[in-house]
């Protein structure tokens, strides 16, 4: 459960921080949006290091699948863009891939 929590937390930090920077640069929001977003992005770089998995590559590859699923949800909840069937299927394929990468039995 800790691994899943950390993946979700890291994903929200990346998406949320990136979103604040996006709002600052693309939507002319105040500078503090960019500063706060950048600080959140720094925390995104730290959070995955708390994972217990020994391989940097495996953790970040698996995180990519989680990020895709979270980005679909973010677009739906925050940007109010309803995902279609193919968005959901793609996100589920990514989550299945993450599960295989992280928890498959290895020798």
PDB file of N, CA and C in Angstrom:
ATOM      1  N   UNK A   1       0.825  -1.200   0.000  1.00  0.00           N
ATOM      2  CA  UNK A   1       0.000   0.000   0.000  1.00  0.00           C
ATOM      3  C   UNK A   1       0.865   1.258   0.000  1.00  0.00           C
ATOM      4  N   UNK A   2       2.013   1.213   0.683  1.00  0.00           N
ATOM      5  CA  UNK A   2       2.891   2.386   0.713  1.00  0.00           C
ATOM      6  C   UNK A   2       3.383   2.715  -0.694  1.00  0.00           C
ATOM      7  N   UNK A   3       3.733   1.691  -1.466  1.00  0.00           N
ATOM      8  CA  UNK A   3       4.216   1.918  -2.831  1.00  0.00           C
ATOM      9  C   UNK A   3       3.151   2.620  -3.661  1.00  0.00           C
ATOM     10  N   UNK A   4       1.921   2.159  -3.565  1.00  0.00           N
ATOM     11  CA  UNK A   4       0.823   2.773  -4.338  1.00  0.00           C
ATOM     12  C   UNK A   4       0.624   4.217  -3.896  1.00  0.00           C
ATOM     13  N   UNK A   5       0.623   4.451  -2.571  1.00  0.00           N
ATOM     14  CA  UNK A   5       0.465   5.814  -2.055  1.00  0.00           C
ATOM     15  C   UNK A   5       1.565   6.729  -2.591  1.00  0.00           C
ATOM     16  N   UNK A   6       2.819   6.265  -2.577  1.00  0.00           N
ATOM     17  CA  UNK A   6       3.926   7.094  -3.048  1.00  0.00           C
ATOM     18  C   UNK A   6       3.835   7.368  -4.544  1.00  0.00           C
ATOM     19  N   UNK A   7       3.399   6.372  -5.318  1.00  0.00           N
ATOM     20  CA  UNK A   7       3.217   6.614  -6.754  1.00  0.00           C
ATOM     21  C   UNK A   7       2.147   7.677  -6.986  1.00  0.00           C
ATOM     22  N   UNK A   8       1.046   7.577  -6.280  1.00  0.00           N
ATOM     23  CA  UNK A   8      -0.031   8.554  -6.444  1.00  0.00           C
ATOM     24  C   UNK A   8       0.420   9.938  -5.988  1.00  0.00           C
ATOM     25  N   UNK A   9       1.100  10.001  -4.852  1.00  0.00           N
ATOM     26  CA  UNK A   9       1.589  11.285  -4.344  1.00  0.00           C
ATOM     27  C   UNK A   9       2.563  11.935  -5.326  1.00  0.00           C
ATOM     28  N   UNK A  10       3.494  11.143  -5.854  1.00  0.00           N
ATOM     29  CA  UNK A  10       4.451  11.674  -6.831  1.00  0.00           C
ATOM     30  C   UNK A  10       3.732  12.148  -8.088  1.00  0.00           C
ATOM     31  N   UNK A  11       2.760  11.374  -8.540  1.00  0.00           N
ATOM     32  CA  UNK A  11       2.002  11.766  -9.730  1.00  0.00           C
ATOM     33  C   UNK A  11       1.248  13.065  -9.533  1.00  0.00           C
ATOM     34  N   UNK A  12       0.609  13.197  -8.378  1.00  0.00           N
ATOM     35  CA  UNK A  12      -0.123  14.432  -8.102  1.00  0.00           C
ATOM     36  C   UNK A  12       0.825  15.620  -7.983  1.00  0.00           C
ATOM     37  N   UNK A  13       2.016  15.387  -7.426  1.00  0.00           N
ATOM     38  CA  UNK A  13       3.000  16.468  -7.330  1.00  0.00           C
ATOM     39  C   UNK A  13       3.456  16.902  -8.722  1.00  0.00           C
ATOM     40  N   UNK A  14       3.714  15.938  -9.595  1.00  0.00           N
ATOM     41  CA  UNK A  14       4.159  16.306 -10.945  1.00  0.00           C
ATOM     42  C   UNK A  14       3.054  17.005 -11.722  1.00  0.00           C
ATOM     43  N   UNK A  15       1.870  16.427 -11.700  1.00  0.00           N
ATOM     44  CA  UNK A  15       0.778  17.021 -12.464  1.00  0.00           C
ATOM     45  C   UNK A  15       0.371  18.360 -11.862  1.00  0.00           C
ATOM     46  N   UNK A  16       0.226  18.404 -10.530  1.00  0.00           N
ATOM     47  CA  UNK A  16      -0.184  19.652  -9.880  1.00  0.00           C
ATOM     48  C   UNK A  16       0.842  20.758 -10.048  1.00  0.00           C
ATOM     49  N   UNK A  17       2.126  20.430  -9.855  1.00  0.00           N
ATOM     50  CA  UNK A  17       3.180  21.425 -10.040  1.00  0.00           C
ATOM     51  C   UNK A  17       3.255  21.902 -11.480  1.00  0.00           C
ATOM     52  N   UNK A  18       3.195  20.952 -12.400  1.00  0.00           N
ATOM     53  CA  UNK A  18       3.210  21.312 -13.815  1.00  0.00           C
ATOM     54  C   UNK A  18       2.008  22.152 -14.209  1.00  0.00           C
ATOM     55  N   UNK A  19       0.871  21.843 -13.618  1.00  0.00           N
ATOM     56  CA  UNK A  19      -0.349  22.599 -13.913  1.00  0.00           C
ATOM     57  C   UNK A  19      -0.215  24.056 -13.444  1.00  0.00           C
ATOM     58  N   UNK A  20       0.360  24.257 -12.254  1.00  0.00           N
ATOM     59  CA  UNK A  20       0.553  25.626 -11.768  1.00  0.00           C
ATOM     60  C   UNK A  20       1.519  26.407 -12.654  1.00  0.00           C
ATOM     61  N   UNK A  21       2.602  25.753 -13.095  1.00  0.00           N
ATOM     62  CA  UNK A  21       3.533  26.413 -14.012  1.00  0.00           C
ATOM     63  C   UNK A  21       2.823  26.717 -15.338  1.00  0.00           C
ATOM     64  N   UNK A  22       2.035  25.782 -15.819  1.00  0.00           N
ATOM     65  CA  UNK A  22       1.247  25.989 -17.045  1.00  0.00           C
ATOM     66  C   UNK A  22       0.341  27.211 -16.895  1.00  0.00           C
ATOM     67  N   UNK A  23      -0.378  27.283 -15.775  1.00  0.00           N
ATOM     68  CA  UNK A  23      -1.280  28.423 -15.552  1.00  0.00           C
ATOM     69  C   UNK A  23      -0.513  29.747 -15.527  1.00  0.00           C
ATOM     70  N   UNK A  24       0.665  29.737 -14.898  1.00  0.00           N
ATOM     71  CA  UNK A  24       1.472  30.946 -14.829  1.00  0.00           C
ATOM     72  C   UNK A  24       1.922  31.386 -16.224  1.00  0.00           C
ATOM     73  N   UNK A  25       2.485  30.448 -17.001  1.00  0.00           N
ATOM     74  CA  UNK A  25       3.054  30.810 -18.295  1.00  0.00           C
ATOM     75  C   UNK A  25       2.030  30.918 -19.423  1.00  0.00           C
ATOM     76  N   UNK A  26       1.022  30.066 -19.398  1.00  0.00           N
ATOM     77  CA  UNK A  26       0.074  30.020 -20.512  1.00  0.00           C
ATOM     78  C   UNK A  26      -1.210  30.796 -20.266  1.00  0.00           C
ATOM     79  N   UNK A  27      -1.555  30.982 -18.995  1.00  0.00           N
ATOM     80  CA  UNK A  27      -2.831  31.628 -18.666  1.00  0.00           C
ATOM     81  C   UNK A  27      -2.620  32.949 -17.930  1.00  0.00           C
ATOM     82  N   UNK A  28      -1.378  33.417 -17.903  1.00  0.00           N
ATOM     83  CA  UNK A  28      -1.026  34.715 -17.305  1.00  0.00           C
ATOM     84  C   UNK A  28      -1.421  34.839 -15.837  1.00  0.00           C
ATOM     85  N   UNK A  29      -1.293  33.753 -15.100  1.00  0.00           N
ATOM     86  CA  UNK A  29      -1.526  33.812 -13.659  1.00  0.00           C
ATOM     87  C   UNK A  29      -0.318  34.473 -12.999  1.00  0.00           C
ATOM     88  N   UNK A  30      -0.453  34.897 -11.740  1.00  0.00           N
ATOM     89  CA  UNK A  30       0.659  35.573 -11.060  1.00  0.00           C
ATOM     90  C   UNK A  30       1.907  34.693 -10.928  1.00  0.00           C
ATOM     91  N   UNK A  31       3.039  35.349 -10.748  1.00  0.00           N
ATOM     92  CA  UNK A  31       4.330  34.674 -10.626  1.00  0.00           C
ATOM     93  C   UNK A  31       4.333  33.613  -9.540  1.00  0.00           C
ATOM     94  N   UNK A  32       3.606  33.845  -8.452  1.00  0.00           N
ATOM     95  CA  UNK A  32       3.637  32.883  -7.351  1.00  0.00           C
ATOM     96  C   UNK A  32       3.105  31.520  -7.784  1.00  0.00           C
ATOM     97  N   UNK A  33       2.244  31.455  -8.805  1.00  0.00           N
ATOM     98  CA  UNK A  33       1.817  30.157  -9.337  1.00  0.00           C
ATOM     99  C   UNK A  33       3.033  29.379  -9.834  1.00  0.00           C
ATOM    100  N   UNK A  34       3.903  30.065 -10.581  1.00  0.00           N
ATOM    101  CA  UNK A  34       5.099  29.420 -11.105  1.00  0.00           C
ATOM    102  C   UNK A  34       6.067  29.009 -10.016  1.00  0.00           C
ATOM    103  N   UNK A  35       6.210  29.836  -8.996  1.00  0.00           N
ATOM    104  CA  UNK A  35       7.123  29.517  -7.899  1.00  0.00           C
ATOM    105  C   UNK A  35       6.607  28.317  -7.106  1.00  0.00           C
ATOM    106  N   UNK A  36       5.326  28.357  -6.726  1.00  0.00           N
ATOM    107  CA  UNK A  36       4.751  27.230  -5.979  1.00  0.00           C
ATOM    108  C   UNK A  36       4.778  25.963  -6.833  1.00  0.00           C
ATOM    109  N   UNK A  37       4.417  26.088  -8.102  1.00  0.00           N
ATOM    110  CA  UNK A  37       4.456  24.931  -8.991  1.00  0.00           C
ATOM    111  C   UNK A  37       5.846  24.341  -9.096  1.00  0.00           C
ATOM    112  N   UNK A  38       6.856  25.193  -9.177  1.00  0.00           N
ATOM    113  CA  UNK A  38       8.244  24.717  -9.256  1.00  0.00           C
ATOM    114  C   UNK A  38       8.667  24.003  -7.971  1.00  0.00           C
ATOM    115  N   UNK A  39       8.274  24.525  -6.830  1.00  0.00           N
ATOM    116  CA  UNK A  39       8.594  23.862  -5.558  1.00  0.00           C
ATOM    117  C   UNK A  39       7.908  22.499  -5.459  1.00  0.00           C
ATOM    118  N   UNK A  40       6.676  22.431  -5.933  1.00  0.00           N
ATOM    119  CA  UNK A  40       5.965  21.148  -5.939  1.00  0.00           C
ATOM    120  C   UNK A  40       6.669  20.170  -6.873  1.00  0.00           C
ATOM    121  N   UNK A  41       7.160  20.669  -8.015  1.00  0.00           N
ATOM    122  CA  UNK A  41       7.889  19.800  -8.940  1.00  0.00           C
ATOM    123  C   UNK A  41       9.181  19.276  -8.317  1.00  0.00           C
ATOM    124  N   UNK A  42       9.837  20.070  -7.488  1.00  0.00           N
ATOM    125  CA  UNK A  42      11.024  19.587  -6.772  1.00  0.00           C
ATOM    126  C   UNK A  42      10.620  18.441  -5.839  1.00  0.00           C
ATOM    127  N   UNK A  43       9.486  18.584  -5.152  1.00  0.00           N
ATOM    128  CA  UNK A  43       9.035  17.500  -4.265  1.00  0.00           C
ATOM    129  C   UNK A  43       8.735  16.241  -5.074  1.00  0.00           C
ATOM    130  N   UNK A  44       8.247  16.415  -6.294  1.00  0.00           N
ATOM    131  CA  UNK A  44       8.015  15.264  -7.179  1.00  0.00           C
ATOM    132  C   UNK A  44       9.315  14.501  -7.416  1.00  0.00           C
ATOM    133  N   UNK A  45      10.417  15.217  -7.539  1.00  0.00           N
ATOM    134  CA  UNK A  45      11.706  14.556  -7.745  1.00  0.00           C
ATOM    135  C   UNK A  45      12.184  13.786  -6.529  1.00  0.00           C
ATOM    136  N   UNK A  46      11.720  14.169  -5.361  1.00  0.00           N
ATOM    137  CA  UNK A  46      12.153  13.533  -4.117  1.00  0.00           C
ATOM    138  C   UNK A  46      11.268  12.334  -3.754  1.00  0.00           C
ATOM    139  N   UNK A  47       9.981  12.453  -3.941  1.00  0.00           N
ATOM    140  CA  UNK A  47       9.030  11.431  -3.482  1.00  0.00           C
ATOM    141  C   UNK A  47       9.345  10.032  -4.012  1.00  0.00           C
ATOM    142  N   UNK A  48       9.645   9.851  -5.305  1.00  0.00           N
ATOM    143  CA  UNK A  48       9.922   8.483  -5.774  1.00  0.00           C
ATOM    144  C   UNK A  48      11.134   7.830  -5.108  1.00  0.00           C
ATOM    145  N   UNK A  49      12.048   8.628  -4.571  1.00  0.00           N
ATOM    146  CA  UNK A  49      13.212   8.032  -3.909  1.00  0.00           C
ATOM    147  C   UNK A  49      12.834   7.331  -2.611  1.00  0.00           C
ATOM    148  N   UNK A  50      11.624   7.553  -2.135  1.00  0.00           N
ATOM    149  CA  UNK A  50      11.150   6.902  -0.915  1.00  0.00           C
ATOM    150  C   UNK A  50      10.636   5.488  -1.179  1.00  0.00           C
ATOM    151  N   UNK A  51      10.549   5.103  -2.449  1.00  0.00           N
ATOM    152  CA  UNK A  51      10.102   3.753  -2.794  1.00  0.00           C
ATOM    153  C   UNK A  51      11.128   2.722  -2.325  1.00  0.00           C
ATOM    154  N   UNK A  52      10.660   1.523  -2.016  1.00  0.00           N
ATOM    155  CA  UNK A  52      11.541   0.442  -1.578  1.00  0.00           C
ATOM    156  C   UNK A  52      12.102  -0.390  -2.727  1.00  0.00           C
ATOM    157  N   UNK A  53      11.659  -0.141  -3.939  1.00  0.00           N
ATOM    158  CA  UNK A  53      12.151  -0.910  -5.080  1.00  0.00           C
ATOM    159  C   UNK A  53      13.593  -0.506  -5.363  1.00  0.00           C
ATOM    160  N   UNK A  54      14.462  -1.474  -5.665  1.00  0.00           N
ATOM    161  CA  UNK A  54      15.889  -1.176  -5.778  1.00  0.00           C
ATOM    162  C   UNK A  54      16.311  -0.528  -7.096  1.00  0.00           C
ATOM    163  N   UNK A  55      15.487  -0.548  -8.107  1.00  0.00           N
ATOM    164  CA  UNK A  55      15.904  -0.108  -9.431  1.00  0.00           C
ATOM    165  C   UNK A  55      15.268   1.231  -9.802  1.00  0.00           C
ATOM    166  N   UNK A  56      16.112   2.223 -10.042  1.00  0.00           N
ATOM    167  CA  UNK A  56      15.628   3.538 -10.474  1.00  0.00           C
ATOM    168  C   UNK A  56      14.795   3.408 -11.748  1.00  0.00           C
ATOM    169  N   UNK A  57      15.323   2.696 -12.729  1.00  0.00           N
ATOM    170  CA  UNK A  57      14.626   2.564 -14.006  1.00  0.00           C
ATOM    171  C   UNK A  57      13.257   1.932 -13.868  1.00  0.00           C
ATOM    172  N   UNK A  58      13.170   0.884 -13.067  1.00  0.00           N
ATOM    173  CA  UNK A  58      11.894   0.204 -12.881  1.00  0.00           C
ATOM    174  C   UNK A  58      10.895   1.114 -12.175  1.00  0.00           C
ATOM    175  N   UNK A  59      11.337   1.816 -11.151  1.00  0.00           N
ATOM    176  CA  UNK A  59      10.436   2.723 -10.426  1.00  0.00           C
ATOM    177  C   UNK A  59       9.915   3.807 -11.356  1.00  0.00           C
ATOM    178  N   UNK A  60      10.797   4.421 -12.131  1.00  0.00           N
ATOM    179  CA  UNK A  60      10.354   5.508 -12.996  1.00  0.00           C
ATOM    180  C   UNK A  60       9.544   5.016 -14.180  1.00  0.00           C
ATOM    181  N   UNK A  61       9.842   3.855 -14.688  1.00  0.00           N
ATOM    182  CA  UNK A  61       9.025   3.291 -15.764  1.00  0.00           C
ATOM    183  C   UNK A  61       7.620   2.991 -15.248  1.00  0.00           C
ATOM    184  N   UNK A  62       7.545   2.393 -14.069  1.00  0.00           N
ATOM    185  CA  UNK A  62       6.240   2.096 -13.476  1.00  0.00           C
ATOM    186  C   UNK A  62       5.499   3.389 -13.153  1.00  0.00           C
ATOM    187  N   UNK A  63       6.224   4.371 -12.643  1.00  0.00           N
ATOM    188  CA  UNK A  63       5.606   5.651 -12.353  1.00  0.00           C
ATOM    189  C   UNK A  63       4.966   6.253 -13.598  1.00  0.00           C
ATOM    190  N   UNK A  64       5.594   6.063 -14.761  1.00  0.00           N
ATOM    191  CA  UNK A  64       5.038   6.598 -16.006  1.00  0.00           C
ATOM    192  C   UNK A  64       3.636   6.084 -16.271  1.00  0.00           C
ATOM    193  N   UNK A  65       3.395   4.814 -15.994  1.00  0.00           N
ATOM    194  CA  UNK A  65       2.055   4.253 -16.176  1.00  0.00           C
ATOM    195  C   UNK A  65       1.052   4.857 -15.210  1.00  0.00           C
ATOM    196  N   UNK A  66       1.495   5.049 -13.967  1.00  0.00           N
ATOM    197  CA  UNK A  66       0.618   5.676 -12.971  1.00  0.00           C
ATOM    198  C   UNK A  66       0.319   7.111 -13.388  1.00  0.00           C
ATOM    199  N   UNK A  67       1.345   7.810 -13.884  1.00  0.00           N
ATOM    200  CA  UNK A  67       1.167   9.184 -14.331  1.00  0.00           C
ATOM    201  C   UNK A  67       0.098   9.280 -15.419  1.00  0.00           C
ATOM    202  N   UNK A  68       0.127   8.354 -16.363  1.00  0.00           N
ATOM    203  CA  UNK A  68      -0.855   8.375 -17.450  1.00  0.00           C
ATOM    204  C   UNK A  68      -2.268   8.262 -16.888  1.00  0.00           C
ATOM    205  N   UNK A  69      -2.480   7.330 -15.984  1.00  0.00           N
ATOM    206  CA  UNK A  69      -3.814   7.165 -15.394  1.00  0.00           C
ATOM    207  C   UNK A  69      -4.223   8.421 -14.615  1.00  0.00           C
ATOM    208  N   UNK A  70      -3.297   8.974 -13.844  1.00  0.00           N
ATOM    209  CA  UNK A  70      -3.613  10.186 -13.083  1.00  0.00           C
ATOM    210  C   UNK A  70      -3.876  11.373 -14.003  1.00  0.00           C
ATOM    211  N   UNK A  71      -3.156  11.464 -15.106  1.00  0.00           N
ATOM    212  CA  UNK A  71      -3.375  12.567 -16.051  1.00  0.00           C
ATOM    213  C   UNK A  71      -4.769  12.487 -16.673  1.00  0.00           C
ATOM    214  N   UNK A  72      -5.236  11.278 -16.960  1.00  0.00           N
ATOM    215  CA  UNK A  72      -6.602  11.119 -17.484  1.00  0.00           C
ATOM    216  C   UNK A  72      -7.607  11.597 -16.435  1.00  0.00           C
ATOM    217  N   UNK A  73      -7.403  11.197 -15.188  1.00  0.00           N
ATOM    218  CA  UNK A  73      -8.314  11.636 -14.116  1.00  0.00           C
ATOM    219  C   UNK A  73      -8.233  13.143 -13.893  1.00  0.00           C
ATOM    220  N   UNK A  74      -7.028  13.707 -13.932  1.00  0.00           N
ATOM    221  CA  UNK A  74      -6.850  15.151 -13.767  1.00  0.00           C
ATOM    222  C   UNK A  74      -7.616  15.904 -14.868  1.00  0.00           C
ATOM    223  N   UNK A  75      -7.454  15.467 -16.099  1.00  0.00           N
ATOM    224  CA  UNK A  75      -8.168  16.104 -17.204  1.00  0.00           C
ATOM    225  C   UNK A  75      -9.677  16.058 -17.024  1.00  0.00           C
ATOM    226  N   UNK A  76     -10.152  14.965 -16.471  1.00  0.00           N
ATOM    227  CA  UNK A  76     -11.588  14.794 -16.252  1.00  0.00           C
ATOM    228  C   UNK A  76     -12.077  15.688 -15.115  1.00  0.00           C
ATOM    229  N   UNK A  77     -11.369  15.651 -13.975  1.00  0.00           N
ATOM    230  CA  UNK A  77     -11.836  16.371 -12.788  1.00  0.00           C
ATOM    231  C   UNK A  77     -11.488  17.852 -12.800  1.00  0.00           C
ATOM    232  N   UNK A  78     -10.309  18.205 -13.263  1.00  0.00           N
ATOM    233  CA  UNK A  78      -9.848  19.591 -13.195  1.00  0.00           C
ATOM    234  C   UNK A  78     -10.157  20.349 -14.484  1.00  0.00           C
ATOM    235  N   UNK A  79      -9.814  19.767 -15.619  1.00  0.00           N
ATOM    236  CA  UNK A  79     -10.043  20.447 -16.900  1.00  0.00           C
ATOM    237  C   UNK A  79     -11.434  20.213 -17.477  1.00  0.00           C
ATOM    238  N   UNK A  80     -12.189  19.328 -16.831  1.00  0.00           N
ATOM    239  CA  UNK A  80     -13.574  19.029 -17.256  1.00  0.00           C
ATOM    240  C   UNK A  80     -13.638  18.494 -18.688  1.00  0.00           C
ATOM    241  N   UNK A  81     -12.629  17.696 -19.056  1.00  0.00           N
ATOM    242  CA  UNK A  81     -12.603  17.022 -20.362  1.00  0.00           C
ATOM    243  C   UNK A  81     -12.889  15.547 -20.128  1.00  0.00           C
ATOM    244  N   UNK A  82     -14.065  15.097 -20.496  1.00  0.00           N
ATOM    245  CA  UNK A  82     -14.476  13.723 -20.231  1.00  0.00           C
ATOM    246  C   UNK A  82     -13.653  12.741 -21.068  1.00  0.00           C
ATOM    247  N   UNK A  83     -12.970  11.812 -20.412  1.00  0.00           N
ATOM    248  CA  UNK A  83     -12.211  10.798 -21.156  1.00  0.00           C
ATOM    249  C   UNK A  83     -13.160   9.886 -21.934  1.00  0.00           C
ATOM    250  N   UNK A  84     -12.707   9.442 -23.095  1.00  0.00           N
ATOM    251  CA  UNK A  84     -13.527   8.497 -23.852  1.00  0.00           C
ATOM    252  C   UNK A  84     -13.099   7.071 -23.512  1.00  0.00           C
ATOM    253  N   UNK A  85     -13.748   6.121 -24.137  1.00  0.00           N
ATOM    254  CA  UNK A  85     -13.486   4.713 -23.852  1.00  0.00           C
ATOM    255  C   UNK A  85     -12.001   4.368 -24.067  1.00  0.00           C
ATOM    256  N   UNK A  86     -11.395   4.939 -25.091  1.00  0.00           N
ATOM    257  CA  UNK A  86     -10.008   4.615 -25.400  1.00  0.00           C
ATOM    258  C   UNK A  86      -9.044   5.220 -24.377  1.00  0.00           C
ATOM    259  N   UNK A  87      -9.396   6.370 -23.807  1.00  0.00           N
ATOM    260  CA  UNK A  87      -8.590   6.927 -22.715  1.00  0.00           C
ATOM    261  C   UNK A  87      -8.593   5.967 -21.527  1.00  0.00           C
ATOM    262  N   UNK A  88      -9.789   5.470 -21.162  1.00  0.00           N
ATOM    263  CA  UNK A  88      -9.902   4.548 -20.030  1.00  0.00           C
ATOM    264  C   UNK A  88      -9.180   3.236 -20.307  1.00  0.00           C
ATOM    265  N   UNK A  89      -9.334   2.699 -21.513  1.00  0.00           N
ATOM    266  CA  UNK A  89      -8.660   1.443 -21.856  1.00  0.00           C
ATOM    267  C   UNK A  89      -7.146   1.640 -21.800  1.00  0.00           C
ATOM    268  N   UNK A  90      -6.662   2.725 -22.377  1.00  0.00           N
ATOM    269  CA  UNK A  90      -5.232   3.005 -22.361  1.00  0.00           C
ATOM    270  C   UNK A  90      -4.697   3.136 -20.944  1.00  0.00           C
ATOM    271  N   UNK A  91      -5.435   3.834 -20.076  1.00  0.00           N
ATOM    272  CA  UNK A  91      -5.009   4.002 -18.686  1.00  0.00           C
ATOM    273  C   UNK A  91      -4.974   2.650 -17.974  1.00  0.00           C
ATOM    274  N   UNK A  92      -5.960   1.815 -18.220  1.00  0.00           N
ATOM    275  CA  UNK A  92      -5.988   0.498 -17.579  1.00  0.00           C
ATOM    276  C   UNK A  92      -4.846  -0.390 -18.071  1.00  0.00           C
ATOM    277  N   UNK A  93      -4.533  -0.321 -19.356  1.00  0.00           N
ATOM    278  CA  UNK A  93      -3.396  -1.080 -19.884  1.00  0.00           C
ATOM    279  C   UNK A  93      -2.118  -0.646 -19.169  1.00  0.00           C
ATOM    280  N   UNK A  94      -1.975   0.655 -18.957  1.00  0.00           N
ATOM    281  CA  UNK A  94      -0.789   1.161 -18.254  1.00  0.00           C
ATOM    282  C   UNK A  94      -0.726   0.647 -16.820  1.00  0.00           C
ATOM    283  N   UNK A  95      -1.845   0.649 -16.125  1.00  0.00           N
ATOM    284  CA  UNK A  95      -1.871   0.165 -14.735  1.00  0.00           C
ATOM    285  C   UNK A  95      -1.549  -1.324 -14.683  1.00  0.00           C
ATOM    286  N   UNK A  96      -2.064  -2.097 -15.629  1.00  0.00           N
ATOM    287  CA  UNK A  96      -1.714  -3.519 -15.688  1.00  0.00           C
ATOM    288  C   UNK A  96      -0.209  -3.662 -15.925  1.00  0.00           C
ATOM    289  N   UNK A  97       0.336  -2.857 -16.828  1.00  0.00           N
ATOM    290  CA  UNK A  97       1.775  -2.896 -17.081  1.00  0.00           C
ATOM    291  C   UNK A  97       2.592  -2.555 -15.847  1.00  0.00           C
ATOM    292  N   UNK A  98       2.169  -1.537 -15.116  1.00  0.00           N
ATOM    293  CA  UNK A  98       2.851  -1.156 -13.879  1.00  0.00           C
ATOM    294  C   UNK A  98       2.837  -2.321 -12.901  1.00  0.00           C
ATOM    295  N   UNK A  99       1.691  -2.955 -12.747  1.00  0.00           N
ATOM    296  CA  UNK A  99       1.562  -4.077 -11.814  1.00  0.00           C
ATOM    297  C   UNK A  99       2.494  -5.219 -12.197  1.00  0.00           C
ATOM    298  N   UNK A 100       2.581  -5.508 -13.478  1.00  0.00           N
ATOM    299  CA  UNK A 100       3.476  -6.576 -13.936  1.00  0.00           C
ATOM    300  C   UNK A 100       4.925  -6.208 -13.640  1.00  0.00           C
ATOM    301  N   UNK A 101       5.302  -4.967 -13.948  1.00  0.00           N
ATOM    302  CA  UNK A 101       6.687  -4.542 -13.748  1.00  0.00           C
ATOM    303  C   UNK A 101       7.102  -4.605 -12.284  1.00  0.00           C
ATOM    304  N   UNK A 102       6.221  -4.177 -11.401  1.00  0.00           N
ATOM    305  CA  UNK A 102       6.597  -4.054  -9.997  1.00  0.00           C
ATOM    306  C   UNK A 102       6.443  -5.336  -9.205  1.00  0.00           C
ATOM    307  N   UNK A 103       5.419  -6.105  -9.493  1.00  0.00           N
ATOM    308  CA  UNK A 103       5.097  -7.220  -8.602  1.00  0.00           C
ATOM    309  C   UNK A 103       5.189  -8.594  -9.238  1.00  0.00           C
ATOM    310  N   UNK A 104       5.714  -8.682 -10.456  1.00  0.00           N
ATOM    311  CA  UNK A 104       5.903 -10.001 -11.070  1.00  0.00           C
ATOM    312  C   UNK A 104       6.972 -10.763 -10.288  1.00  0.00           C
ATOM    313  N   UNK A 105       6.783 -12.077 -10.136  1.00  0.00           N
ATOM    314  CA  UNK A 105       7.822 -12.852  -9.428  1.00  0.00           C
ATOM    315  C   UNK A 105       9.106 -12.870 -10.241  1.00  0.00           C
ATOM    316  N   UNK A 106      10.184 -12.608  -9.576  1.00  0.00           N
ATOM    317  CA  UNK A 106      11.500 -12.621 -10.238  1.00  0.00           C
ATOM    318  C   UNK A 106      12.414 -13.549  -9.459  1.00  0.00           C
ATOM    319  N   UNK A 107      13.377 -14.094 -10.156  1.00  0.00           N
ATOM    320  CA  UNK A 107      14.326 -15.024  -9.520  1.00  0.00           C
ATOM    321  C   UNK A 107      15.539 -14.300  -9.049  1.00  0.00           C
TER     322      UNK A 107
END
